[in-house]
Amino acid sequence: MDRDWADAHLINGALDVHRDNPAFGYRFIADELKDQGLATGENQVQRP
């Protein structure tokens, strides 16, 4: 359950970043999420 909750926050954050900068990929999104305080890595952001 905790992982589902964390994934939901990650997905929402990634969608927000992507909406603001749609030309950038998963590496940029991962960096932006880290700047926002969400602990994540590039592989987790890239995961389908």
PDB file of N, CA and C in Angstrom:
ATOM      1  N   MET A   1       0.821  -1.188   0.000  1.00  0.00           N
ATOM      2  CA  MET A   1       0.000   0.000   0.000  1.00  0.00           C
ATOM      3  C   MET A   1       0.869   1.259   0.000  1.00  0.00           C
ATOM      4  N   ASP A   2       1.953   1.259   0.769  1.00  0.00           N
ATOM      5  CA  ASP A   2       2.827   2.430   0.814  1.00  0.00           C
ATOM      6  C   ASP A   2       3.456   2.703  -0.542  1.00  0.00           C
ATOM      7  N   ARG A   3       3.832   1.629  -1.242  1.00  0.00           N
ATOM      8  CA  ARG A   3       4.435   1.819  -2.561  1.00  0.00           C
ATOM      9  C   ARG A   3       3.417   2.388  -3.536  1.00  0.00           C
ATOM     10  N   ASP A   4       2.180   1.941  -3.461  1.00  0.00           N
ATOM     11  CA  ASP A   4       1.134   2.477  -4.330  1.00  0.00           C
ATOM     12  C   ASP A   4       0.953   3.973  -4.091  1.00  0.00           C
ATOM     13  N   TRP A   5       0.956   4.366  -2.824  1.00  0.00           N
ATOM     14  CA  TRP A   5       0.793   5.774  -2.463  1.00  0.00           C
ATOM     15  C   TRP A   5       1.977   6.597  -2.976  1.00  0.00           C
ATOM     16  N   ALA A   6       3.188   6.074  -2.799  1.00  0.00           N
ATOM     17  CA  ALA A   6       4.386   6.767  -3.274  1.00  0.00           C
ATOM     18  C   ALA A   6       4.380   6.870  -4.794  1.00  0.00           C
ATOM     19  N   ASP A   7       3.979   5.794  -5.466  1.00  0.00           N
ATOM     20  CA  ASP A   7       3.896   5.813  -6.925  1.00  0.00           C
ATOM     21  C   ASP A   7       2.865   6.828  -7.406  1.00  0.00           C
ATOM     22  N   ALA A   8       1.759   6.951  -6.704  1.00  0.00           N
ATOM     23  CA  ALA A   8       0.728   7.917  -7.090  1.00  0.00           C
ATOM     24  C   ALA A   8       1.281   9.339  -7.017  1.00  0.00           C
ATOM     25  N   HIS A   9       2.029   9.648  -5.954  1.00  0.00           N
ATOM     26  CA  HIS A   9       2.643  10.973  -5.832  1.00  0.00           C
ATOM     27  C   HIS A   9       3.680  11.187  -6.931  1.00  0.00           C
ATOM     28  N   LEU A  10       4.448  10.164  -7.205  1.00  0.00           N
ATOM     29  CA  LEU A  10       5.457  10.245  -8.250  1.00  0.00           C
ATOM     30  C   LEU A  10       4.810  10.486  -9.611  1.00  0.00           C
ATOM     31  N   ILE A  11       3.769   9.758  -9.910  1.00  0.00           N
ATOM     32  CA  ILE A  11       3.084   9.901 -11.195  1.00  0.00           C
ATOM     33  C   ILE A  11       2.494  11.302 -11.323  1.00  0.00           C
ATOM     34  N   ASN A  12       1.834  11.771 -10.282  1.00  0.00           N
ATOM     35  CA  ASN A  12       1.257  13.121 -10.332  1.00  0.00           C
ATOM     36  C   ASN A  12       2.329  14.179 -10.534  1.00  0.00           C
ATOM     37  N   GLY A  13       3.433  14.028  -9.826  1.00  0.00           N
ATOM     38  CA  GLY A  13       4.530  14.980  -9.976  1.00  0.00           C
ATOM     39  C   GLY A  13       5.135  14.931 -11.367  1.00  0.00           C
ATOM     40  N   ALA A  14       5.310  13.728 -11.895  1.00  0.00           N
ATOM     41  CA  ALA A  14       5.885  13.568 -13.234  1.00  0.00           C
ATOM     42  C   ALA A  14       4.959  14.166 -14.291  1.00  0.00           C
ATOM     43  N   LEU A  15       3.668  13.956 -14.136  1.00  0.00           N
ATOM     44  CA  LEU A  15       2.716  14.527 -15.094  1.00  0.00           C
ATOM     45  C   LEU A  15       2.737  16.051 -15.043  1.00  0.00           C
ATOM     46  N   ASP A  16       2.853  16.609 -13.860  1.00  0.00           N
ATOM     47  CA  ASP A  16       2.938  18.066 -13.731  1.00  0.00           C
ATOM     48  C   ASP A  16       4.185  18.606 -14.411  1.00  0.00           C
ATOM     49  N   VAL A  17       5.317  17.958 -14.184  1.00  0.00           N
ATOM     50  CA  VAL A  17       6.574  18.397 -14.806  1.00  0.00           C
ATOM     51  C   VAL A  17       6.475  18.251 -16.317  1.00  0.00           C
ATOM     52  N   HIS A  18       5.948  17.136 -16.780  1.00  0.00           N
ATOM     53  CA  HIS A  18       5.839  16.905 -18.219  1.00  0.00           C
ATOM     54  C   HIS A  18       4.891  17.917 -18.862  1.00  0.00           C
ATOM     55  N   ARG A  19       3.818  18.248 -18.177  1.00  0.00           N
ATOM     56  CA  ARG A  19       2.857  19.225 -18.698  1.00  0.00           C
ATOM     57  C   ARG A  19       3.530  20.585 -18.879  1.00  0.00           C
ATOM     58  N   ASP A  20       4.407  20.948 -17.951  1.00  0.00           N
ATOM     59  CA  ASP A  20       5.112  22.227 -18.034  1.00  0.00           C
ATOM     60  C   ASP A  20       6.218  22.216 -19.088  1.00  0.00           C
ATOM     61  N   ASN A  21       6.841  21.072 -19.310  1.00  0.00           N
ATOM     62  CA  ASN A  21       7.978  20.944 -20.234  1.00  0.00           C
ATOM     63  C   ASN A  21       7.851  19.661 -21.042  1.00  0.00           C
ATOM     64  N   PRO A  22       6.910  19.574 -21.987  1.00  0.00           N
ATOM     65  CA  PRO A  22       6.654  18.316 -22.692  1.00  0.00           C
ATOM     66  C   PRO A  22       7.795  17.827 -23.588  1.00  0.00           C
ATOM     67  N   ALA A  23       8.735  18.692 -23.910  1.00  0.00           N
ATOM     68  CA  ALA A  23       9.820  18.284 -24.800  1.00  0.00           C
ATOM     69  C   ALA A  23      10.911  17.491 -24.081  1.00  0.00           C
ATOM     70  N   PHE A  24      10.931  17.527 -22.754  1.00  0.00           N
ATOM     71  CA  PHE A  24      11.994  16.874 -22.006  1.00  0.00           C
ATOM     72  C   PHE A  24      11.615  15.449 -21.636  1.00  0.00           C
ATOM     73  N   GLY A  25      12.617  14.625 -21.450  1.00  0.00           N
ATOM     74  CA  GLY A  25      12.396  13.215 -21.177  1.00  0.00           C
ATOM     75  C   GLY A  25      12.501  12.847 -19.706  1.00  0.00           C
ATOM     76  N   TYR A  26      12.629  11.545 -19.488  1.00  0.00           N
ATOM     77  CA  TYR A  26      12.585  11.010 -18.129  1.00  0.00           C
ATOM     78  C   TYR A  26      13.727  11.489 -17.252  1.00  0.00           C
ATOM     79  N   ARG A  27      14.889  11.752 -17.825  1.00  0.00           N
ATOM     80  CA  ARG A  27      16.019  12.222 -17.005  1.00  0.00           C
ATOM     81  C   ARG A  27      15.732  13.605 -16.426  1.00  0.00           C
ATOM     82  N   PHE A  28      15.214  14.490 -17.259  1.00  0.00           N
ATOM     83  CA  PHE A  28      14.855  15.828 -16.798  1.00  0.00           C
ATOM     84  C   PHE A  28      13.756  15.742 -15.753  1.00  0.00           C
ATOM     85  N   ILE A  29      12.751  14.906 -16.011  1.00  0.00           N
ATOM     86  CA  ILE A  29      11.643  14.753 -15.077  1.00  0.00           C
ATOM     87  C   ILE A  29      12.151  14.234 -13.735  1.00  0.00           C
ATOM     88  N   ALA A  30      13.047  13.252 -13.757  1.00  0.00           N
ATOM     89  CA  ALA A  30      13.611  12.710 -12.516  1.00  0.00           C
ATOM     90  C   ALA A  30      14.349  13.798 -11.740  1.00  0.00           C
ATOM     91  N   ASP A  31      15.115  14.633 -12.438  1.00  0.00           N
ATOM     92  CA  ASP A  31      15.832  15.723 -11.770  1.00  0.00           C
ATOM     93  C   ASP A  31      14.864  16.722 -11.151  1.00  0.00           C
ATOM     94  N   GLU A  32      13.816  17.053 -11.873  1.00  0.00           N
ATOM     95  CA  GLU A  32      12.829  18.002 -11.358  1.00  0.00           C
ATOM     96  C   GLU A  32      12.116  17.437 -10.130  1.00  0.00           C
ATOM     97  N   LEU A  33      11.796  16.158 -10.162  1.00  0.00           N
ATOM     98  CA  LEU A  33      11.125  15.534  -9.022  1.00  0.00           C
ATOM     99  C   LEU A  33      12.029  15.530  -7.790  1.00  0.00           C
ATOM    100  N   LYS A  34      13.319  15.278  -8.005  1.00  0.00           N
ATOM    101  CA  LYS A  34      14.271  15.335  -6.886  1.00  0.00           C
ATOM    102  C   LYS A  34      14.321  16.740  -6.301  1.00  0.00           C
ATOM    103  N   ASP A  35      14.292  17.758  -7.177  1.00  0.00           N
ATOM    104  CA  ASP A  35      14.304  19.149  -6.712  1.00  0.00           C
ATOM    105  C   ASP A  35      13.051  19.471  -5.894  1.00  0.00           C
ATOM    106  N   GLN A  36      11.958  18.776  -6.177  1.00  0.00           N
ATOM    107  CA  GLN A  36      10.703  18.986  -5.455  1.00  0.00           C
ATOM    108  C   GLN A  36      10.635  18.163  -4.169  1.00  0.00           C
ATOM    109  N   GLY A  37      11.663  17.360  -3.931  1.00  0.00           N
ATOM    110  CA  GLY A  37      11.719  16.587  -2.696  1.00  0.00           C
ATOM    111  C   GLY A  37      11.173  15.175  -2.804  1.00  0.00           C
ATOM    112  N   LEU A  38      10.848  14.734  -4.012  1.00  0.00           N
ATOM    113  CA  LEU A  38      10.385  13.362  -4.200  1.00  0.00           C
ATOM    114  C   LEU A  38      11.591  12.476  -4.487  1.00  0.00           C
ATOM    115  N   ALA A  39      11.832  11.511  -3.626  1.00  0.00           N
ATOM    116  CA  ALA A  39      12.966  10.617  -3.788  1.00  0.00           C
ATOM    117  C   ALA A  39      12.678   9.640  -4.911  1.00  0.00           C
ATOM    118  N   THR A  40      13.394   9.783  -5.999  1.00  0.00           N
ATOM    119  CA  THR A  40      13.198   8.911  -7.150  1.00  0.00           C
ATOM    120  C   THR A  40      14.464   8.857  -7.978  1.00  0.00           C
ATOM    121  N   GLY A  41      14.536   7.885  -8.836  1.00  0.00           N
ATOM    122  CA  GLY A  41      15.647   7.749  -9.752  1.00  0.00           C
ATOM    123  C   GLY A  41      15.146   7.710 -11.176  1.00  0.00           C
ATOM    124  N   GLU A  42      16.082   7.821 -12.108  1.00  0.00           N
ATOM    125  CA  GLU A  42      15.707   7.823 -13.520  1.00  0.00           C
ATOM    126  C   GLU A  42      14.977   6.537 -13.914  1.00  0.00           C
ATOM    127  N   ASN A  43      15.426   5.405 -13.406  1.00  0.00           N
ATOM    128  CA  ASN A  43      14.799   4.141 -13.770  1.00  0.00           C
ATOM    129  C   ASN A  43      13.343   4.067 -13.305  1.00  0.00           C
ATOM    130  N   GLN A  44      13.079   4.623 -12.149  1.00  0.00           N
ATOM    131  CA  GLN A  44      11.705   4.593 -11.633  1.00  0.00           C
ATOM    132  C   GLN A  44      10.806   5.512 -12.467  1.00  0.00           C
ATOM    133  N   VAL A  45      11.319   6.634 -12.911  1.00  0.00           N
ATOM    134  CA  VAL A  45      10.532   7.548 -13.740  1.00  0.00           C
ATOM    135  C   VAL A  45      10.308   6.936 -15.114  1.00  0.00           C
ATOM    136  N   GLN A  46      11.292   6.236 -15.614  1.00  0.00           N
ATOM    137  CA  GLN A  46      11.199   5.632 -16.950  1.00  0.00           C
ATOM    138  C   GLN A  46      10.279   4.418 -16.957  1.00  0.00           C
ATOM    139  N   ARG A  47      10.112   3.778 -15.816  1.00  0.00           N
ATOM    140  CA  ARG A  47       9.299   2.558 -15.718  1.00  0.00           C
ATOM    141  C   ARG A  47       7.892   2.808 -16.262  1.00  0.00           C
ATOM    142  N   PRO A  48       7.443   1.907 -17.119  1.00  0.00           N
ATOM    143  CA  PRO A  48       6.089   2.084 -17.702  1.00  0.00           C
ATOM    144  C   PRO A  48       4.990   1.928 -16.694  1.00  0.00           C
TER     145      PRO A  48
END
